């Protein structure tokens, strides 16, 4: 069976998996990225987990290539460059490290770009030619598909919607800027909003008993679904800001749809309905009623499908199938 090895590096967790040509996940592992630790620590954990997966595979199913999705990945250099949520320094030569370790062709993309390819090949993007994927995780990543192809830009850095400005005097971002969208519309962003609301609101809430480091997006979503007023308000604020910036993105790209993924999207309609309302309210008249917004229906371990799709795309191109 033809397979690829897929690696999804997140600010909190890293996922690795063996993926077939139709998106079959033959095996996967998840481990703590330990983002505050040096890259050499991560490298040991990554190689250990990959070797564990490969050791359980039949010889006939060994991967042909490796796809990597990572924050601030540059497909031209093969490096992770200045990642705001990883304490790995200015440049990390991840492609060189992995290719030397396994002797296979390695392809890398920004993690959200990889997610967009995953939706295009295996998910809700099948059959669409123009759409935007927003991954609402530790930060906010984005991948843009234009005319059925991933938009890379002149420096392979296109689609940093998480770092468009919401408020020039707003929250400080790990990237060094102030007021970035991801400081509001991400798991980290909504946690910050919750703690601001704890200081401002009188209503009782189970979230008041949880420290910032222990609070998760799932905690906030569950509280909101259960009717907690503080959590609902946090989602309304987050959705309003995100919807406004999605409307701005529509003016630039005129996409068919947005696909929302990542941990924050697990809140379902608690997020989706106010996001759609905010976007629609702020759209230029020519786009009103035309832009769809979906929640990704990919399974929880499907973050690896993006890097897998990246690897399969390159295999197809080099074999002349496209």
Foldseek 3Di string as FASTA:
>chain_A
DEWEWFWEDDLFKIKIFIADPQGDTPDMDMDGCPQQDEVVVNLVVVVVRVCVRQVPDDPVHPYQEYFYAAACAFQVQCWRAQRLSHPHDGTDNVQVSVCVVPVHHYTYAHLQQLVVLLCCRHRVVPPFQWEKEWAAELFIFIWTGHRNHTDQPPRRPPGPQQADALDQQADAGSSGGHRGLRCCRHFVNLLVQLVVVVVVDDDDFPCVVDDSVRDTLVRLLVRVVVPNPSSLVSLLRSLLSLLLSVLVVCVVGVGQEYEYHYDNCVSPPSNVVSNVVNNLVNHDPVCHPRYYYYYIPDDPSCSRSSSRSVVVVVVCVVVVVD
